[in-house]
Amino acid sequence: MRDANSAQHYLLHSSLELNETAYLLGYEYANSFFRAFHQWEGTSPGEWRAVHAHRASSEHASASGAQF
């Protein structure tokens, strides 16, 4: 399960630590996962999670009709 889609899913839909995500994806060393993810996405897993988690929460609020 070492692919970008699986990594994105874990990063976006779980609160696992990055090293736990790396382990679930089959990486013995978290740094190997970080390097691979950076090659796939052009950014670190932590930065990707922060940007996309923010987008997902904004989209969810818009879709649910939340008013401020």
PDB file of N, CA and C in Angstrom:
ATOM      1  N   MET A   1       0.824  -1.211   0.000  1.00  0.00           N
ATOM      2  CA  MET A   1       0.000   0.000   0.000  1.00  0.00           C
ATOM      3  C   MET A   1       0.856   1.257   0.000  1.00  0.00           C
ATOM      4  N   ARG A   2       1.962   1.224  -0.652  1.00  0.00           N
ATOM      5  CA  ARG A   2       2.832   2.401  -0.695  1.00  0.00           C
ATOM      6  C   ARG A   2       2.476   3.258  -1.892  1.00  0.00           C
ATOM      7  N   ASP A   3       1.460   4.051  -1.781  1.00  0.00           N
ATOM      8  CA  ASP A   3       1.154   4.967  -2.874  1.00  0.00           C
ATOM      9  C   ASP A   3       0.603   6.276  -2.329  1.00  0.00           C
ATOM     10  N   ALA A   4       0.596   7.249  -3.197  1.00  0.00           N
ATOM     11  CA  ALA A   4       0.185   8.589  -2.786  1.00  0.00           C
ATOM     12  C   ALA A   4      -1.265   8.630  -2.322  1.00  0.00           C
ATOM     13  N   ASN A   5      -2.151   7.895  -2.985  1.00  0.00           N
ATOM     14  CA  ASN A   5      -3.567   7.938  -2.596  1.00  0.00           C
ATOM     15  C   ASN A   5      -3.792   7.407  -1.189  1.00  0.00           C
ATOM     16  N   SER A   6      -3.123   6.313  -0.850  1.00  0.00           N
ATOM     17  CA  SER A   6      -3.254   5.768   0.502  1.00  0.00           C
ATOM     18  C   SER A   6      -2.698   6.747   1.528  1.00  0.00           C
ATOM     19  N   ALA A   7      -1.574   7.338   1.218  1.00  0.00           N
ATOM     20  CA  ALA A   7      -0.969   8.310   2.129  1.00  0.00           C
ATOM     21  C   ALA A   7      -1.902   9.495   2.328  1.00  0.00           C
ATOM     22  N   GLN A   8      -2.451  10.013   1.254  1.00  0.00           N
ATOM     23  CA  GLN A   8      -3.372  11.144   1.357  1.00  0.00           C
ATOM     24  C   GLN A   8      -4.584  10.786   2.207  1.00  0.00           C
ATOM     25  N   HIS A   9      -5.104   9.588   2.001  1.00  0.00           N
ATOM     26  CA  HIS A   9      -6.273   9.155   2.778  1.00  0.00           C
ATOM     27  C   HIS A   9      -5.960   9.156   4.278  1.00  0.00           C
ATOM     28  N   TYR A  10      -4.844   8.524   4.659  1.00  0.00           N
ATOM     29  CA  TYR A  10      -4.473   8.492   6.073  1.00  0.00           C
ATOM     30  C   TYR A  10      -4.242   9.894   6.623  1.00  0.00           C
ATOM     31  N   LEU A  11      -3.598  10.742   5.849  1.00  0.00           N
ATOM     32  CA  LEU A  11      -3.301  12.091   6.341  1.00  0.00           C
ATOM     33  C   LEU A  11      -4.562  12.917   6.528  1.00  0.00           C
ATOM     34  N   LEU A  12      -5.512  12.740   5.623  1.00  0.00           N
ATOM     35  CA  LEU A  12      -6.709  13.569   5.660  1.00  0.00           C
ATOM     36  C   LEU A  12      -7.789  13.021   6.591  1.00  0.00           C
ATOM     37  N   HIS A  13      -7.867  11.705   6.712  1.00  0.00           N
ATOM     38  CA  HIS A  13      -8.983  11.102   7.434  1.00  0.00           C
ATOM     39  C   HIS A  13      -8.595  10.416   8.738  1.00  0.00           C
ATOM     40  N   SER A  14      -7.458  10.764   9.286  1.00  0.00           N
ATOM     41  CA  SER A  14      -7.076  10.201  10.575  1.00  0.00           C
ATOM     42  C   SER A  14      -6.280  11.245  11.358  1.00  0.00           C
ATOM     43  N   SER A  15      -6.176  10.980  12.627  1.00  0.00           N
ATOM     44  CA  SER A  15      -5.367  11.865  13.477  1.00  0.00           C
ATOM     45  C   SER A  15      -4.062  11.182  13.863  1.00  0.00           C
ATOM     46  N   LEU A  16      -3.669  10.192  13.069  1.00  0.00           N
ATOM     47  CA  LEU A  16      -2.422   9.480  13.346  1.00  0.00           C
ATOM     48  C   LEU A  16      -1.228  10.411  13.225  1.00  0.00           C
ATOM     49  N   GLU A  17      -0.221  10.145  14.040  1.00  0.00           N
ATOM     50  CA  GLU A  17       1.042  10.860  13.898  1.00  0.00           C
ATOM     51  C   GLU A  17       1.651  10.477  12.553  1.00  0.00           C
ATOM     52  N   LEU A  18       2.512  11.332  12.025  1.00  0.00           N
ATOM     53  CA  LEU A  18       3.112  11.062  10.720  1.00  0.00           C
ATOM     54  C   LEU A  18       3.939   9.782  10.722  1.00  0.00           C
ATOM     55  N   ASN A  19       4.643   9.509  11.813  1.00  0.00           N
ATOM     56  CA  ASN A  19       5.436   8.278  11.856  1.00  0.00           C
ATOM     57  C   ASN A  19       4.541   7.045  11.906  1.00  0.00           C
ATOM     58  N   GLU A  20       3.362   7.138  12.515  1.00  0.00           N
ATOM     59  CA  GLU A  20       2.407   6.035  12.516  1.00  0.00           C
ATOM     60  C   GLU A  20       1.847   5.807  11.116  1.00  0.00           C
ATOM     61  N   THR A  21       1.594   6.884  10.401  1.00  0.00           N
ATOM     62  CA  THR A  21       1.127   6.785   9.019  1.00  0.00           C
ATOM     63  C   THR A  21       2.177   6.089   8.169  1.00  0.00           C
ATOM     64  N   ALA A  22       3.430   6.469   8.340  1.00  0.00           N
ATOM     65  CA  ALA A  22       4.521   5.844   7.599  1.00  0.00           C
ATOM     66  C   ALA A  22       4.552   4.343   7.862  1.00  0.00           C
ATOM     67  N   TYR A  23       4.420   3.952   9.111  1.00  0.00           N
ATOM     68  CA  TYR A  23       4.441   2.543   9.475  1.00  0.00           C
ATOM     69  C   TYR A  23       3.280   1.789   8.818  1.00  0.00           C
ATOM     70  N   LEU A  24       2.083   2.355   8.860  1.00  0.00           N
ATOM     71  CA  LEU A  24       0.922   1.697   8.252  1.00  0.00           C
ATOM     72  C   LEU A  24       1.080   1.519   6.744  1.00  0.00           C
ATOM     73  N   LEU A  25       1.832   2.417   6.141  1.00  0.00           N
ATOM     74  CA  LEU A  25       2.061   2.330   4.692  1.00  0.00           C
ATOM     75  C   LEU A  25       3.215   1.394   4.351  1.00  0.00           C
ATOM     76  N   GLY A  26       3.838   0.810   5.357  1.00  0.00           N
ATOM     77  CA  GLY A  26       4.875  -0.174   5.126  1.00  0.00           C
ATOM     78  C   GLY A  26       6.295   0.341   5.160  1.00  0.00           C
ATOM     79  N   TYR A  27       6.475   1.560   5.622  1.00  0.00           N
ATOM     80  CA  TYR A  27       7.825   2.126   5.706  1.00  0.00           C
ATOM     81  C   TYR A  27       8.443   1.787   7.050  1.00  0.00           C
ATOM     82  N   GLU A  28       9.647   1.273   7.026  1.00  0.00           N
ATOM     83  CA  GLU A  28      10.361   0.965   8.254  1.00  0.00           C
ATOM     84  C   GLU A  28      10.845   2.257   8.928  1.00  0.00           C
ATOM     85  N   TYR A  29      11.221   3.215   8.109  1.00  0.00           N
ATOM     86  CA  TYR A  29      11.722   4.494   8.609  1.00  0.00           C
ATOM     87  C   TYR A  29      10.824   5.632   8.111  1.00  0.00           C
ATOM     88  N   ALA A  30      10.396   6.468   9.038  1.00  0.00           N
ATOM     89  CA  ALA A  30       9.509   7.578   8.684  1.00  0.00           C
ATOM     90  C   ALA A  30      10.158   8.507   7.666  1.00  0.00           C
ATOM     91  N   ASN A  31      11.477   8.711   7.763  1.00  0.00           N
ATOM     92  CA  ASN A  31      12.148   9.602   6.814  1.00  0.00           C
ATOM     93  C   ASN A  31      12.006   9.119   5.377  1.00  0.00           C
ATOM     94  N   SER A  32      11.978   7.802   5.180  1.00  0.00           N
ATOM     95  CA  SER A  32      11.779   7.264   3.828  1.00  0.00           C
ATOM     96  C   SER A  32      10.400   7.644   3.303  1.00  0.00           C
ATOM     97  N   PHE A  33       9.401   7.572   4.169  1.00  0.00           N
ATOM     98  CA  PHE A  33       8.051   7.992   3.782  1.00  0.00           C
ATOM     99  C   PHE A  33       8.023   9.483   3.476  1.00  0.00           C
ATOM    100  N   PHE A  34       8.659  10.289   4.320  1.00  0.00           N
ATOM    101  CA  PHE A  34       8.661  11.734   4.109  1.00  0.00           C
ATOM    102  C   PHE A  34       9.279  12.086   2.753  1.00  0.00           C
ATOM    103  N   ARG A  35      10.394  11.430   2.414  1.00  0.00           N
ATOM    104  CA  ARG A  35      11.047  11.684   1.123  1.00  0.00           C
ATOM    105  C   ARG A  35      10.155  11.269  -0.038  1.00  0.00           C
ATOM    106  N   ALA A  36       9.545  10.085   0.070  1.00  0.00           N
ATOM    107  CA  ALA A  36       8.667   9.603  -1.008  1.00  0.00           C
ATOM    108  C   ALA A  36       7.475  10.538  -1.171  1.00  0.00           C
ATOM    109  N   PHE A  37       6.868  10.940  -0.069  1.00  0.00           N
ATOM    110  CA  PHE A  37       5.702  11.827  -0.141  1.00  0.00           C
ATOM    111  C   PHE A  37       6.084  13.153  -0.785  1.00  0.00           C
ATOM    112  N   HIS A  38       7.236  13.662  -0.424  1.00  0.00           N
ATOM    113  CA  HIS A  38       7.688  14.933  -1.000  1.00  0.00           C
ATOM    114  C   HIS A  38       7.873  14.796  -2.505  1.00  0.00           C
ATOM    115  N   GLN A  39       8.352  13.657  -2.965  1.00  0.00           N
ATOM    116  CA  GLN A  39       8.488  13.425  -4.409  1.00  0.00           C
ATOM    117  C   GLN A  39       7.122  13.370  -5.078  1.00  0.00           C
ATOM    118  N   TRP A  40       6.146  12.746  -4.419  1.00  0.00           N
ATOM    119  CA  TRP A  40       4.803  12.633  -4.993  1.00  0.00           C
ATOM    120  C   TRP A  40       4.097  13.978  -5.046  1.00  0.00           C
ATOM    121  N   GLU A  41       4.172  14.715  -3.948  1.00  0.00           N
ATOM    122  CA  GLU A  41       3.326  15.905  -3.785  1.00  0.00           C
ATOM    123  C   GLU A  41       4.073  17.236  -3.827  1.00  0.00           C
ATOM    124  N   GLY A  42       5.387  17.211  -3.732  1.00  0.00           N
ATOM    125  CA  GLY A  42       6.152  18.449  -3.752  1.00  0.00           C
ATOM    126  C   GLY A  42       6.125  19.208  -2.439  1.00  0.00           C
ATOM    127  N   THR A  43       5.668  18.551  -1.385  1.00  0.00           N
ATOM    128  CA  THR A  43       5.602  19.162  -0.063  1.00  0.00           C
ATOM    129  C   THR A  43       5.696  18.054   0.984  1.00  0.00           C
ATOM    130  N   SER A  44       5.895  18.441   2.221  1.00  0.00           N
ATOM    131  CA  SER A  44       5.993  17.438   3.284  1.00  0.00           C
ATOM    132  C   SER A  44       4.595  16.919   3.649  1.00  0.00           C
ATOM    133  N   PRO A  45       4.530  15.729   4.241  1.00  0.00           N
ATOM    134  CA  PRO A  45       3.224  15.206   4.659  1.00  0.00           C
ATOM    135  C   PRO A  45       2.517  16.123   5.661  1.00  0.00           C
ATOM    136  N   GLY A  46       3.262  16.706   6.579  1.00  0.00           N
ATOM    137  CA  GLY A  46       2.654  17.603   7.567  1.00  0.00           C
ATOM    138  C   GLY A  46       2.068  18.859   6.939  1.00  0.00           C
ATOM    139  N   GLU A  47       2.803  19.445   5.999  1.00  0.00           N
ATOM    140  CA  GLU A  47       2.294  20.633   5.309  1.00  0.00           C
ATOM    141  C   GLU A  47       1.073  20.281   4.461  1.00  0.00           C
ATOM    142  N   TRP A  48       1.136  19.135   3.777  1.00  0.00           N
ATOM    143  CA  TRP A  48       0.005  18.705   2.942  1.00  0.00           C
ATOM    144  C   TRP A  48      -1.241  18.525   3.799  1.00  0.00           C
ATOM    145  N   ARG A  49      -1.058  17.870   4.953  1.00  0.00           N
ATOM    146  CA  ARG A  49      -2.192  17.628   5.853  1.00  0.00           C
ATOM    147  C   ARG A  49      -2.799  18.949   6.321  1.00  0.00           C
ATOM    148  N   ALA A  50      -1.955  19.896   6.708  1.00  0.00           N
ATOM    149  CA  ALA A  50      -2.454  21.177   7.214  1.00  0.00           C
ATOM    150  C   ALA A  50      -3.254  21.915   6.153  1.00  0.00           C
ATOM    151  N   VAL A  51      -2.748  21.964   4.938  1.00  0.00           N
ATOM    152  CA  VAL A  51      -3.440  22.677   3.857  1.00  0.00           C
ATOM    153  C   VAL A  51      -4.746  21.984   3.500  1.00  0.00           C
ATOM    154  N   HIS A  52      -4.703  20.674   3.319  1.00  0.00           N
ATOM    155  CA  HIS A  52      -5.880  19.949   2.866  1.00  0.00           C
ATOM    156  C   HIS A  52      -6.915  19.742   3.959  1.00  0.00           C
ATOM    157  N   ALA A  53      -6.493  19.631   5.193  1.00  0.00           N
ATOM    158  CA  ALA A  53      -7.447  19.536   6.297  1.00  0.00           C
ATOM    159  C   ALA A  53      -8.220  20.846   6.411  1.00  0.00           C
ATOM    160  N   HIS A  54      -7.522  21.964   6.225  1.00  0.00           N
ATOM    161  CA  HIS A  54      -8.180  23.272   6.262  1.00  0.00           C
ATOM    162  C   HIS A  54      -9.181  23.390   5.121  1.00  0.00           C
ATOM    163  N   ARG A  55      -8.783  22.981   3.924  1.00  0.00           N
ATOM    164  CA  ARG A  55      -9.685  23.021   2.767  1.00  0.00           C
ATOM    165  C   ARG A  55     -10.897  22.141   2.989  1.00  0.00           C
ATOM    166  N   ALA A  56     -10.677  20.934   3.498  1.00  0.00           N
ATOM    167  CA  ALA A  56     -11.774  19.995   3.721  1.00  0.00           C
ATOM    168  C   ALA A  56     -12.766  20.544   4.732  1.00  0.00           C
ATOM    169  N   SER A  57     -12.276  21.167   5.796  1.00  0.00           N
ATOM    170  CA  SER A  57     -13.191  21.717   6.795  1.00  0.00           C
ATOM    171  C   SER A  57     -13.944  22.921   6.234  1.00  0.00           C
ATOM    172  N   SER A  58     -13.292  23.709   5.379  1.00  0.00           N
ATOM    173  CA  SER A  58     -13.972  24.844   4.748  1.00  0.00           C
ATOM    174  C   SER A  58     -15.046  24.370   3.782  1.00  0.00           C
ATOM    175  N   GLU A  59     -14.726  23.343   2.997  1.00  0.00           N
ATOM    176  CA  GLU A  59     -15.696  22.795   2.050  1.00  0.00           C
ATOM    177  C   GLU A  59     -16.866  22.165   2.782  1.00  0.00           C
ATOM    178  N   HIS A  60     -16.603  21.493   3.899  1.00  0.00           N
ATOM    179  CA  HIS A  60     -17.668  20.864   4.680  1.00  0.00           C
ATOM    180  C   HIS A  60     -18.604  21.928   5.229  1.00  0.00           C
ATOM    181  N   ALA A  61     -18.047  23.010   5.738  1.00  0.00           N
ATOM    182  CA  ALA A  61     -18.881  24.088   6.279  1.00  0.00           C
ATOM    183  C   ALA A  61     -19.742  24.710   5.177  1.00  0.00           C
ATOM    184  N   SER A  62     -19.190  24.890   3.975  1.00  0.00           N
ATOM    185  CA  SER A  62     -19.948  25.444   2.857  1.00  0.00           C
ATOM    186  C   SER A  62     -21.059  24.511   2.425  1.00  0.00           C
ATOM    187  N   ALA A  63     -20.750  23.229   2.346  1.00  0.00           N
ATOM    188  CA  ALA A  63     -21.712  22.250   1.877  1.00  0.00           C
ATOM    189  C   ALA A  63     -22.851  22.064   2.865  1.00  0.00           C
ATOM    190  N   SER A  64     -22.586  22.241   4.135  1.00  0.00           N
ATOM    191  CA  SER A  64     -23.638  22.041   5.148  1.00  0.00           C
ATOM    192  C   SER A  64     -24.479  23.293   5.330  1.00  0.00           C
ATOM    193  N   GLY A  65     -24.131  24.351   4.630  1.00  0.00           N
ATOM    194  CA  GLY A  65     -24.911  25.577   4.722  1.00  0.00           C
ATOM    195  C   GLY A  65     -24.657  26.356   6.001  1.00  0.00           C
ATOM    196  N   ALA A  66     -23.539  26.153   6.592  1.00  0.00           N
ATOM    197  CA  ALA A  66     -23.207  26.872   7.823  1.00  0.00           C
ATOM    198  C   ALA A  66     -23.155  28.365   7.569  1.00  0.00           C
ATOM    199  N   GLN A  67     -23.761  29.108   8.455  1.00  0.00           N
ATOM    200  CA  GLN A  67     -23.759  30.554   8.340  1.00  0.00           C
ATOM    201  C   GLN A  67     -23.058  31.145   9.550  1.00  0.00           C
ATOM    202  N   PHE A  68     -22.343  32.216   9.311  1.00  0.00           N
ATOM    203  CA  PHE A  68     -21.608  32.846  10.404  1.00  0.00           C
ATOM    204  C   PHE A  68     -22.175  34.190  10.716  1.00  0.00           C
TER     205      PHE A  68
END
